[in-house]
Protein backbone atom coordinates (compact mmCIF):
# COMPACT_ATOMS: atom_id res chain seq x y z
CA MET A 1 0.00 0.00 0.00
CA LYS A 2 1.27 3.46 -0.79
CA ILE A 3 1.57 5.93 2.07
CA GLU A 4 -0.33 8.56 0.06
CA GLU A 5 -3.66 6.71 0.35
CA PRO A 6 -4.04 6.79 4.17
CA ILE A 7 -2.67 10.34 4.28
CA LYS A 8 -5.20 11.52 1.70
CA THR A 9 -8.11 9.89 3.56
CA THR A 10 -7.03 11.33 6.91
CA VAL A 11 -6.54 14.85 5.51
CA GLU A 12 -10.01 14.73 3.90
CA GLU A 13 -11.54 13.83 7.28
CA LEU A 14 -9.60 16.61 9.00
CA ARG A 15 -10.87 19.14 6.47
CA SER A 16 -14.45 18.25 7.36
CA LEU A 17 -13.64 18.65 11.09
CA LEU A 18 -12.07 22.07 10.62
CA ASP A 19 -15.25 23.57 9.20
CA VAL A 20 -16.17 26.99 10.59
CA LYS A 21 -19.53 25.51 11.66
CA ASN A 22 -17.63 23.46 14.25
CA LEU A 23 -15.89 26.56 15.69
CA VAL A 24 -18.84 28.96 15.66
CA GLY A 25 -21.82 27.15 17.15
CA GLU A 26 -25.48 27.42 16.29
CA ALA A 27 -27.02 30.71 17.41
CA ILE A 28 -29.34 30.43 20.40
CA GLU A 29 -32.20 32.91 20.17
CA THR A 30 -34.19 34.19 23.13
CA GLU A 31 -36.80 36.92 23.35
CA ASP A 32 -34.28 39.76 23.74
CA LYS A 33 -30.88 38.20 22.92
CA VAL A 34 -28.99 36.11 20.40
CA LEU A 35 -26.15 33.99 21.85
CA ILE A 36 -23.39 32.69 19.58
CA PRO A 37 -21.00 30.16 21.16
CA LEU A 38 -17.33 30.10 20.06
CA MET A 39 -14.98 27.12 20.39
CA LYS A 40 -11.26 26.53 20.21
CA MET A 41 -10.10 23.40 18.47
CA GLY A 42 -6.91 21.35 18.68
CA VAL A 43 -5.82 18.84 16.07
CA GLY A 44 -3.11 16.17 16.01
CA PHE A 45 -1.98 14.25 12.92
CA GLY A 46 0.52 11.45 12.30
CA VAL A 47 1.59 9.07 9.54
CA GLY A 48 3.96 6.16 9.31
CA MET A 49 5.23 3.47 6.97
CA GLY A 50 7.43 0.48 7.54
CA GLU A 51 8.89 -2.62 5.96
CA GLY A 52 10.22 -5.62 7.76
CA THR A 53 10.96 -9.32 7.84
CA SER A 54 10.11 -12.03 10.30
CA SER A 55 11.14 -15.65 10.72
CA GLU A 56 7.61 -16.91 9.92
CA SER A 57 7.04 -15.05 6.65
CA GLU A 58 8.90 -13.43 3.85
CA GLY A 59 8.32 -9.98 5.27
CA GLY A 60 5.83 -7.31 4.64
CA SER A 61 5.14 -3.66 4.70
CA GLY A 62 2.49 -1.40 6.09
CA SER A 63 1.45 2.18 6.37
CA GLY A 64 -1.05 4.14 8.34
CA ALA A 65 -2.29 7.57 9.23
CA GLY A 66 -4.38 8.91 12.06
CA ALA A 67 -5.72 12.11 13.50
CA ALA A 68 -7.59 13.37 16.52
CA ALA A 69 -9.40 16.60 17.28
CA GLY A 70 -10.98 18.18 20.31
CA ALA A 71 -13.14 21.25 20.82
CA GLU A 72 -13.60 23.38 23.92
CA PRO A 73 -16.03 26.27 24.46
CA VAL A 74 -14.19 29.55 25.10
CA ALA A 75 -16.65 32.43 24.64
CA VAL A 76 -20.19 33.48 23.89
CA ILE A 77 -21.10 36.52 21.79
CA VAL A 78 -24.23 38.19 23.16
CA LEU A 79 -26.25 40.35 20.77
CA LEU A 80 -29.03 42.38 22.35
CA ARG A 81 -32.09 42.85 20.18
CA GLY A 82 -33.09 46.47 19.69
CA VAL A 83 -29.74 47.89 20.82
CA LYS A 84 -27.80 49.71 18.10
CA GLY A 85 -24.08 50.31 18.32
CA PRO A 86 -21.67 49.55 21.16
CA MET A 87 -22.88 49.61 24.73
CA VAL A 88 -21.05 51.90 27.15
């Protein structure tokens, strides 16, 4: 197996994780406010490939790729309905 195949699959999955919709949450609407949650996200990524021999077989090779992601809420934007401009 070529190392490019697992890398390509893993990168495609990471791209779907890193969508802005995952960092800016769904707006929560109340009677007088709109709340927009914001997240921070961390991502880790690794790939590897190896070839070897063993006493039971003629050898082999392998490759792999993996990734992990985590999100954590960090802020909420509060928009007040009917209030124009910055509040002092």
